[in-house]
Amino acid sequence: MSDGINKFLGDSPLRVLVKLLVVSILVGFVMTVFDWYPADIYYGIRNFLLDLWRTGFAALGRVGDYLLLGAVVVIPLFIILRLFSYRR
């Protein structure tokens, strides 16, 4: 049983607890220095995803415009080049 827990945690439970405590203190210090809070991180990620969702469709609309503009030039050129190469 103990071997299974060690394998799952990657080390002994006491060493994992000490490592987690040290990392938690360091992360807490860095977050305090930058005046970050867990709620700020959550809302930042949420707002980023919402903005990406809103502007993503506008970007897709612009890509569609670019596609149509390019197709107006590329398709006729392709057809003309295929016709000229077909005669050979």
PDB file of N, CA and C in Angstrom:
ATOM      1  N   MET A   1       0.825  -1.184   0.000  1.00  0.00           N
ATOM      2  CA  MET A   1       0.000   0.000   0.000  1.00  0.00           C
ATOM      3  C   MET A   1       0.869   1.248   0.000  1.00  0.00           C
ATOM      4  N   SER A   2       1.899   1.263   0.841  1.00  0.00           N
ATOM      5  CA  SER A   2       2.784   2.422   0.938  1.00  0.00           C
ATOM      6  C   SER A   2       3.536   2.640  -0.366  1.00  0.00           C
ATOM      7  N   ASP A   3       3.926   1.546  -1.007  1.00  0.00           N
ATOM      8  CA  ASP A   3       4.641   1.656  -2.279  1.00  0.00           C
ATOM      9  C   ASP A   3       3.744   2.264  -3.353  1.00  0.00           C
ATOM     10  N   GLY A   4       2.460   1.929  -3.337  1.00  0.00           N
ATOM     11  CA  GLY A   4       1.508   2.479  -4.301  1.00  0.00           C
ATOM     12  C   GLY A   4       1.337   3.984  -4.111  1.00  0.00           C
ATOM     13  N   ILE A   5       1.296   4.428  -2.860  1.00  0.00           N
ATOM     14  CA  ILE A   5       1.174   5.866  -2.572  1.00  0.00           C
ATOM     15  C   ILE A   5       2.432   6.595  -3.007  1.00  0.00           C
ATOM     16  N   ASN A   6       3.576   6.034  -2.700  1.00  0.00           N
ATOM     17  CA  ASN A   6       4.844   6.654  -3.116  1.00  0.00           C
ATOM     18  C   ASN A   6       4.933   6.746  -4.640  1.00  0.00           C
ATOM     19  N   LYS A   7       4.479   5.706  -5.308  1.00  0.00           N
ATOM     20  CA  LYS A   7       4.514   5.708  -6.764  1.00  0.00           C
ATOM     21  C   LYS A   7       3.570   6.766  -7.317  1.00  0.00           C
ATOM     22  N   PHE A   8       2.381   6.882  -6.711  1.00  0.00           N
ATOM     23  CA  PHE A   8       1.408   7.871  -7.159  1.00  0.00           C
ATOM     24  C   PHE A   8       1.917   9.297  -6.933  1.00  0.00           C
ATOM     25  N   LEU A   9       2.481   9.563  -5.767  1.00  0.00           N
ATOM     26  CA  LEU A   9       2.955  10.911  -5.432  1.00  0.00           C
ATOM     27  C   LEU A   9       4.309  11.239  -6.063  1.00  0.00           C
ATOM     28  N   GLY A  10       5.072  10.217  -6.390  1.00  0.00           N
ATOM     29  CA  GLY A  10       6.394  10.439  -6.964  1.00  0.00           C
ATOM     30  C   GLY A  10       7.489  10.485  -5.926  1.00  0.00           C
ATOM     31  N   ASP A  11       7.148  10.439  -4.669  1.00  0.00           N
ATOM     32  CA  ASP A  11       8.106  10.469  -3.565  1.00  0.00           C
ATOM     33  C   ASP A  11       7.333  10.097  -2.301  1.00  0.00           C
ATOM     34  N   SER A  12       8.012  10.132  -1.153  1.00  0.00           N
ATOM     35  CA  SER A  12       7.317   9.836   0.090  1.00  0.00           C
ATOM     36  C   SER A  12       6.349  10.976   0.416  1.00  0.00           C
ATOM     37  N   PRO A  13       5.257  10.674   1.103  1.00  0.00           N
ATOM     38  CA  PRO A  13       4.269  11.709   1.402  1.00  0.00           C
ATOM     39  C   PRO A  13       4.840  12.907   2.160  1.00  0.00           C
ATOM     40  N   LEU A  14       5.771  12.670   3.089  1.00  0.00           N
ATOM     41  CA  LEU A  14       6.345  13.777   3.852  1.00  0.00           C
ATOM     42  C   LEU A  14       7.180  14.681   2.963  1.00  0.00           C
ATOM     43  N   ARG A  15       7.994  14.106   2.087  1.00  0.00           N
ATOM     44  CA  ARG A  15       8.809  14.922   1.175  1.00  0.00           C
ATOM     45  C   ARG A  15       7.936  15.708   0.201  1.00  0.00           C
ATOM     46  N   VAL A  16       6.867  15.079  -0.292  1.00  0.00           N
ATOM     47  CA  VAL A  16       5.949  15.771  -1.194  1.00  0.00           C
ATOM     48  C   VAL A  16       5.278  16.924  -0.461  1.00  0.00           C
ATOM     49  N   LEU A  17       4.897  16.721   0.796  1.00  0.00           N
ATOM     50  CA  LEU A  17       4.275  17.775   1.588  1.00  0.00           C
ATOM     51  C   LEU A  17       5.236  18.951   1.782  1.00  0.00           C
ATOM     52  N   VAL A  18       6.483  18.669   2.070  1.00  0.00           N
ATOM     53  CA  VAL A  18       7.482  19.737   2.258  1.00  0.00           C
ATOM     54  C   VAL A  18       7.689  20.493   0.941  1.00  0.00           C
ATOM     55  N   LYS A  19       7.802  19.780  -0.169  1.00  0.00           N
ATOM     56  CA  LYS A  19       7.978  20.430  -1.468  1.00  0.00           C
ATOM     57  C   LYS A  19       6.781  21.324  -1.796  1.00  0.00           C
ATOM     58  N   LEU A  20       5.562  20.819  -1.553  1.00  0.00           N
ATOM     59  CA  LEU A  20       4.369  21.610  -1.824  1.00  0.00           C
ATOM     60  C   LEU A  20       4.299  22.855  -0.941  1.00  0.00           C
ATOM     61  N   LEU A  21       4.724  22.737   0.303  1.00  0.00           N
ATOM     62  CA  LEU A  21       4.745  23.896   1.199  1.00  0.00           C
ATOM     63  C   LEU A  21       5.729  24.957   0.705  1.00  0.00           C
ATOM     64  N   VAL A  22       6.915  24.535   0.302  1.00  0.00           N
ATOM     65  CA  VAL A  22       7.927  25.478  -0.179  1.00  0.00           C
ATOM     66  C   VAL A  22       7.456  26.173  -1.454  1.00  0.00           C
ATOM     67  N   VAL A  23       6.934  25.409  -2.380  1.00  0.00           N
ATOM     68  CA  VAL A  23       6.455  25.996  -3.637  1.00  0.00           C
ATOM     69  C   VAL A  23       5.272  26.916  -3.363  1.00  0.00           C
ATOM     70  N   SER A  24       4.385  26.557  -2.438  1.00  0.00           N
ATOM     71  CA  SER A  24       3.239  27.399  -2.109  1.00  0.00           C
ATOM     72  C   SER A  24       3.684  28.730  -1.519  1.00  0.00           C
ATOM     73  N   ILE A  25       4.687  28.705  -0.665  1.00  0.00           N
ATOM     74  CA  ILE A  25       5.215  29.942  -0.087  1.00  0.00           C
ATOM     75  C   ILE A  25       5.826  30.818  -1.168  1.00  0.00           C
ATOM     76  N   LEU A  26       6.603  30.226  -2.080  1.00  0.00           N
ATOM     77  CA  LEU A  26       7.223  31.007  -3.153  1.00  0.00           C
ATOM     78  C   LEU A  26       6.172  31.610  -4.090  1.00  0.00           C
ATOM     79  N   VAL A  27       5.192  30.819  -4.463  1.00  0.00           N
ATOM     80  CA  VAL A  27       4.137  31.319  -5.354  1.00  0.00           C
ATOM     81  C   VAL A  27       3.322  32.401  -4.648  1.00  0.00           C
ATOM     82  N   GLY A  28       3.020  32.199  -3.387  1.00  0.00           N
ATOM     83  CA  GLY A  28       2.293  33.210  -2.613  1.00  0.00           C
ATOM     84  C   GLY A  28       3.074  34.504  -2.518  1.00  0.00           C
ATOM     85  N   PHE A  29       4.392  34.425  -2.333  1.00  0.00           N
ATOM     86  CA  PHE A  29       5.229  35.623  -2.271  1.00  0.00           C
ATOM     87  C   PHE A  29       5.215  36.364  -3.605  1.00  0.00           C
ATOM     88  N   VAL A  30       5.396  35.623  -4.692  1.00  0.00           N
ATOM     89  CA  VAL A  30       5.402  36.246  -6.025  1.00  0.00           C
ATOM     90  C   VAL A  30       4.050  36.893  -6.317  1.00  0.00           C
ATOM     91  N   MET A  31       2.958  36.208  -5.955  1.00  0.00           N
ATOM     92  CA  MET A  31       1.638  36.779  -6.188  1.00  0.00           C
ATOM     93  C   MET A  31       1.416  38.037  -5.360  1.00  0.00           C
ATOM     94  N   THR A  32       1.955  38.072  -4.156  1.00  0.00           N
ATOM     95  CA  THR A  32       1.830  39.263  -3.321  1.00  0.00           C
ATOM     96  C   THR A  32       2.640  40.411  -3.898  1.00  0.00           C
ATOM     97  N   VAL A  33       3.837  40.125  -4.400  1.00  0.00           N
ATOM     98  CA  VAL A  33       4.670  41.166  -4.985  1.00  0.00           C
ATOM     99  C   VAL A  33       3.970  41.813  -6.176  1.00  0.00           C
ATOM    100  N   PHE A  34       3.341  41.004  -7.029  1.00  0.00           N
ATOM    101  CA  PHE A  34       2.659  41.527  -8.210  1.00  0.00           C
ATOM    102  C   PHE A  34       1.210  41.916  -7.940  1.00  0.00           C
ATOM    103  N   ASP A  35       0.775  41.803  -6.694  1.00  0.00           N
ATOM    104  CA  ASP A  35      -0.583  42.154  -6.277  1.00  0.00           C
ATOM    105  C   ASP A  35      -1.621  41.356  -7.062  1.00  0.00           C
ATOM    106  N   TRP A  36      -1.377  40.070  -7.197  1.00  0.00           N
ATOM    107  CA  TRP A  36      -2.292  39.170  -7.880  1.00  0.00           C
ATOM    108  C   TRP A  36      -3.070  38.382  -6.841  1.00  0.00           C
ATOM    109  N   TYR A  37      -4.297  38.060  -7.189  1.00  0.00           N
ATOM    110  CA  TYR A  37      -5.133  37.240  -6.328  1.00  0.00           C
ATOM    111  C   TYR A  37      -5.740  36.134  -7.183  1.00  0.00           C
ATOM    112  N   PRO A  38      -6.083  35.005  -6.578  1.00  0.00           N
ATOM    113  CA  PRO A  38      -6.636  33.904  -7.369  1.00  0.00           C
ATOM    114  C   PRO A  38      -7.871  34.325  -8.170  1.00  0.00           C
ATOM    115  N   ALA A  39      -8.716  35.169  -7.611  1.00  0.00           N
ATOM    116  CA  ALA A  39      -9.905  35.622  -8.344  1.00  0.00           C
ATOM    117  C   ALA A  39      -9.496  36.436  -9.576  1.00  0.00           C
ATOM    118  N   ASP A  40      -8.429  37.233  -9.457  1.00  0.00           N
ATOM    119  CA  ASP A  40      -7.945  38.011 -10.600  1.00  0.00           C
ATOM    120  C   ASP A  40      -7.487  37.096 -11.730  1.00  0.00           C
ATOM    121  N   ILE A  41      -6.823  36.016 -11.367  1.00  0.00           N
ATOM    122  CA  ILE A  41      -6.353  35.065 -12.378  1.00  0.00           C
ATOM    123  C   ILE A  41      -7.546  34.395 -13.047  1.00  0.00           C
ATOM    124  N   TYR A  42      -8.528  34.005 -12.243  1.00  0.00           N
ATOM    125  CA  TYR A  42      -9.732  33.370 -12.799  1.00  0.00           C
ATOM    126  C   TYR A  42     -10.448  34.323 -13.753  1.00  0.00           C
ATOM    127  N   TYR A  43     -10.702  35.554 -13.302  1.00  0.00           N
ATOM    128  CA  TYR A  43     -11.416  36.511 -14.156  1.00  0.00           C
ATOM    129  C   TYR A  43     -10.581  36.920 -15.365  1.00  0.00           C
ATOM    130  N   GLY A  44      -9.268  36.962 -15.217  1.00  0.00           N
ATOM    131  CA  GLY A  44      -8.409  37.265 -16.361  1.00  0.00           C
ATOM    132  C   GLY A  44      -8.516  36.202 -17.439  1.00  0.00           C
ATOM    133  N   ILE A  45      -8.473  34.942 -17.041  1.00  0.00           N
ATOM    134  CA  ILE A  45      -8.602  33.843 -17.999  1.00  0.00           C
ATOM    135  C   ILE A  45     -10.001  33.845 -18.608  1.00  0.00           C
ATOM    136  N   ARG A  46     -11.016  34.063 -17.757  1.00  0.00           N
ATOM    137  CA  ARG A  46     -12.399  34.104 -18.241  1.00  0.00           C
ATOM    138  C   ARG A  46     -12.597  35.231 -19.251  1.00  0.00           C
ATOM    139  N   ASN A  47     -12.113  36.427 -18.925  1.00  0.00           N
ATOM    140  CA  ASN A  47     -12.269  37.556 -19.840  1.00  0.00           C
ATOM    141  C   ASN A  47     -11.490  37.350 -21.135  1.00  0.00           C
ATOM    142  N   PHE A  48     -10.310  36.739 -21.035  1.00  0.00           N
ATOM    143  CA  PHE A  48      -9.524  36.441 -22.228  1.00  0.00           C
ATOM    144  C   PHE A  48     -10.293  35.507 -23.154  1.00  0.00           C
ATOM    145  N   LEU A  49     -10.874  34.458 -22.597  1.00  0.00           N
ATOM    146  CA  LEU A  49     -11.622  33.507 -23.414  1.00  0.00           C
ATOM    147  C   LEU A  49     -12.876  34.144 -24.015  1.00  0.00           C
ATOM    148  N   LEU A  50     -13.555  34.988 -23.242  1.00  0.00           N
ATOM    149  CA  LEU A  50     -14.733  35.671 -23.778  1.00  0.00           C
ATOM    150  C   LEU A  50     -14.363  36.636 -24.891  1.00  0.00           C
ATOM    151  N   ASP A  51     -13.273  37.388 -24.714  1.00  0.00           N
ATOM    152  CA  ASP A  51     -12.820  38.294 -25.774  1.00  0.00           C
ATOM    153  C   ASP A  51     -12.393  37.524 -27.012  1.00  0.00           C
ATOM    154  N   LEU A  52     -11.725  36.416 -26.803  1.00  0.00           N
ATOM    155  CA  LEU A  52     -11.317  35.567 -27.919  1.00  0.00           C
ATOM    156  C   LEU A  52     -12.544  35.041 -28.656  1.00  0.00           C
ATOM    157  N   TRP A  53     -13.573  34.657 -27.913  1.00  0.00           N
ATOM    158  CA  TRP A  53     -14.808  34.167 -28.517  1.00  0.00           C
ATOM    159  C   TRP A  53     -15.467  35.270 -29.335  1.00  0.00           C
ATOM    160  N   ARG A  54     -15.536  36.476 -28.754  1.00  0.00           N
ATOM    161  CA  ARG A  54     -16.207  37.581 -29.449  1.00  0.00           C
ATOM    162  C   ARG A  54     -15.434  38.029 -30.685  1.00  0.00           C
ATOM    163  N   THR A  55     -14.130  38.195 -30.551  1.00  0.00           N
ATOM    164  CA  THR A  55     -13.340  38.682 -31.678  1.00  0.00           C
ATOM    165  C   THR A  55     -12.967  37.566 -32.642  1.00  0.00           C
ATOM    166  N   GLY A  56     -13.078  36.341 -32.194  1.00  0.00           N
ATOM    167  CA  GLY A  56     -12.734  35.217 -33.059  1.00  0.00           C
ATOM    168  C   GLY A  56     -13.637  35.145 -34.268  1.00  0.00           C
ATOM    169  N   PHE A  57     -14.926  35.387 -34.059  1.00  0.00           N
ATOM    170  CA  PHE A  57     -15.845  35.344 -35.187  1.00  0.00           C
ATOM    171  C   PHE A  57     -15.613  36.516 -36.130  1.00  0.00           C
ATOM    172  N   ALA A  58     -15.248  37.669 -35.572  1.00  0.00           N
ATOM    173  CA  ALA A  58     -14.917  38.807 -36.433  1.00  0.00           C
ATOM    174  C   ALA A  58     -13.672  38.493 -37.252  1.00  0.00           C
ATOM    175  N   ALA A  59     -12.699  37.830 -36.637  1.00  0.00           N
ATOM    176  CA  ALA A  59     -11.485  37.456 -37.364  1.00  0.00           C
ATOM    177  C   ALA A  59     -11.810  36.452 -38.464  1.00  0.00           C
ATOM    178  N   LEU A  60     -12.720  35.524 -38.181  1.00  0.00           N
ATOM    179  CA  LEU A  60     -13.114  34.569 -39.217  1.00  0.00           C
ATOM    180  C   LEU A  60     -13.807  35.278 -40.368  1.00  0.00           C
ATOM    181  N   GLY A  61     -14.589  36.314 -40.054  1.00  0.00           N
ATOM    182  CA  GLY A  61     -15.226  37.101 -41.107  1.00  0.00           C
ATOM    183  C   GLY A  61     -14.201  37.791 -41.975  1.00  0.00           C
ATOM    184  N   ARG A  62     -13.136  38.314 -41.353  1.00  0.00           N
ATOM    185  CA  ARG A  62     -12.066  38.954 -42.121  1.00  0.00           C
ATOM    186  C   ARG A  62     -11.329  37.932 -42.970  1.00  0.00           C
ATOM    187  N   VAL A  63     -11.123  36.746 -42.452  1.00  0.00           N
ATOM    188  CA  VAL A  63     -10.466  35.697 -43.237  1.00  0.00           C
ATOM    189  C   VAL A  63     -11.322  35.344 -44.441  1.00  0.00           C
ATOM    190  N   GLY A  64     -12.631  35.302 -44.251  1.00  0.00           N
ATOM    191  CA  GLY A  64     -13.525  35.051 -45.373  1.00  0.00           C
ATOM    192  C   GLY A  64     -13.431  36.141 -46.425  1.00  0.00           C
ATOM    193  N   ASP A  65     -13.321  37.400 -45.987  1.00  0.00           N
ATOM    194  CA  ASP A  65     -13.141  38.505 -46.938  1.00  0.00           C
ATOM    195  C   ASP A  65     -11.849  38.340 -47.719  1.00  0.00           C
ATOM    196  N   TYR A  66     -10.783  38.011 -47.008  1.00  0.00           N
ATOM    197  CA  TYR A  66      -9.488  37.810 -47.675  1.00  0.00           C
ATOM    198  C   TYR A  66      -9.577  36.660 -48.674  1.00  0.00           C
ATOM    199  N   LEU A  67     -10.274  35.598 -48.278  1.00  0.00           N
ATOM    200  CA  LEU A  67     -10.426  34.445 -49.157  1.00  0.00           C
ATOM    201  C   LEU A  67     -11.153  34.823 -50.448  1.00  0.00           C
ATOM    202  N   LEU A  68     -12.236  35.563 -50.313  1.00  0.00           N
ATOM    203  CA  LEU A  68     -12.995  35.960 -51.500  1.00  0.00           C
ATOM    204  C   LEU A  68     -12.187  36.907 -52.388  1.00  0.00           C
ATOM    205  N   LEU A  69     -11.505  37.871 -51.778  1.00  0.00           N
ATOM    206  CA  LEU A  69     -10.692  38.797 -52.564  1.00  0.00           C
ATOM    207  C   LEU A  69      -9.586  38.062 -53.312  1.00  0.00           C
ATOM    208  N   GLY A  70      -8.940  37.150 -52.649  1.00  0.00           N
ATOM    209  CA  GLY A  70      -7.880  36.384 -53.288  1.00  0.00           C
ATOM    210  C   GLY A  70      -8.413  35.467 -54.363  1.00  0.00           C
ATOM    211  N   ALA A  71      -9.585  34.873 -54.104  1.00  0.00           N
ATOM    212  CA  ALA A  71     -10.170  33.947 -55.075  1.00  0.00           C
ATOM    213  C   ALA A  71     -10.556  34.659 -56.366  1.00  0.00           C
ATOM    214  N   VAL A  72     -10.942  35.929 -56.265  1.00  0.00           N
ATOM    215  CA  VAL A  72     -11.304  36.695 -57.462  1.00  0.00           C
ATOM    216  C   VAL A  72     -10.111  36.802 -58.407  1.00  0.00           C
ATOM    217  N   VAL A  73      -8.917  36.816 -57.863  1.00  0.00           N
ATOM    218  CA  VAL A  73      -7.710  36.923 -58.694  1.00  0.00           C
ATOM    219  C   VAL A  73      -7.157  35.535 -59.036  1.00  0.00           C
ATOM    220  N   VAL A  74      -7.100  34.660 -58.060  1.00  0.00           N
ATOM    221  CA  VAL A  74      -6.412  33.377 -58.223  1.00  0.00           C
ATOM    222  C   VAL A  74      -7.181  32.414 -59.123  1.00  0.00           C
ATOM    223  N   ILE A  75      -8.474  32.300 -58.950  1.00  0.00           N
ATOM    224  CA  ILE A  75      -9.255  31.330 -59.720  1.00  0.00           C
ATOM    225  C   ILE A  75      -9.191  31.624 -61.221  1.00  0.00           C
ATOM    226  N   PRO A  76      -9.438  32.865 -61.661  1.00  0.00           N
ATOM    227  CA  PRO A  76      -9.320  33.106 -63.107  1.00  0.00           C
ATOM    228  C   PRO A  76      -7.908  32.859 -63.637  1.00  0.00           C
ATOM    229  N   LEU A  77      -6.888  33.252 -62.874  1.00  0.00           N
ATOM    230  CA  LEU A  77      -5.515  32.987 -63.314  1.00  0.00           C
ATOM    231  C   LEU A  77      -5.263  31.490 -63.418  1.00  0.00           C
ATOM    232  N   PHE A  78      -5.760  30.736 -62.471  1.00  0.00           N
ATOM    233  CA  PHE A  78      -5.602  29.286 -62.506  1.00  0.00           C
ATOM    234  C   PHE A  78      -6.257  28.691 -63.753  1.00  0.00           C
ATOM    235  N   ILE A  79      -7.461  29.150 -64.025  1.00  0.00           N
ATOM    236  CA  ILE A  79      -8.171  28.629 -65.196  1.00  0.00           C
ATOM    237  C   ILE A  79      -7.424  28.993 -66.481  1.00  0.00           C
ATOM    238  N   ILE A  80      -6.964  30.226 -66.575  1.00  0.00           N
ATOM    239  CA  ILE A  80      -6.220  30.652 -67.766  1.00  0.00           C
ATOM    240  C   ILE A  80      -4.943  29.837 -67.922  1.00  0.00           C
ATOM    241  N   LEU A  81      -4.196  29.661 -66.850  1.00  0.00           N
ATOM    242  CA  LEU A  81      -2.959  28.873 -66.919  1.00  0.00           C
ATOM    243  C   LEU A  81      -3.248  27.419 -67.281  1.00  0.00           C
ATOM    244  N   ARG A  82      -4.320  26.847 -66.777  1.00  0.00           N
ATOM    245  CA  ARG A  82      -4.668  25.470 -67.114  1.00  0.00           C
ATOM    246  C   ARG A  82      -5.061  25.354 -68.593  1.00  0.00           C
ATOM    247  N   LEU A  83      -5.745  26.361 -69.087  1.00  0.00           N
ATOM    248  CA  LEU A  83      -6.134  26.327 -70.513  1.00  0.00           C
ATOM    249  C   LEU A  83      -4.909  26.400 -71.412  1.00  0.00           C
ATOM    250  N   PHE A  84      -3.945  27.258 -71.068  1.00  0.00           N
ATOM    251  CA  PHE A  84      -2.739  27.372 -71.868  1.00  0.00           C
ATOM    252  C   PHE A  84      -1.869  26.118 -71.784  1.00  0.00           C
ATOM    253  N   SER A  85      -1.811  25.490 -70.642  1.00  0.00           N
ATOM    254  CA  SER A  85      -1.013  24.274 -70.498  1.00  0.00           C
ATOM    255  C   SER A  85      -1.739  23.065 -71.114  1.00  0.00           C
ATOM    256  N   TYR A  86      -3.033  23.120 -71.265  1.00  0.00           N
ATOM    257  CA  TYR A  86      -3.810  22.026 -71.838  1.00  0.00           C
ATOM    258  C   TYR A  86      -3.534  21.891 -73.338  1.00  0.00           C
ATOM    259  N   ARG A  87      -3.257  23.007 -73.997  1.00  0.00           N
ATOM    260  CA  ARG A  87      -3.025  22.987 -75.434  1.00  0.00           C
ATOM    261  C   ARG A  87      -1.700  22.302 -75.792  1.00  0.00           C
ATOM    262  N   ARG A  88      -0.802  22.241 -74.884  1.00  0.00           N
ATOM    263  CA  ARG A  88       0.504  21.642 -75.178  1.00  0.00           C
ATOM    264  C   ARG A  88       0.462  20.169 -75.306  1.00  0.00           C
TER     265      ARG A  88
END
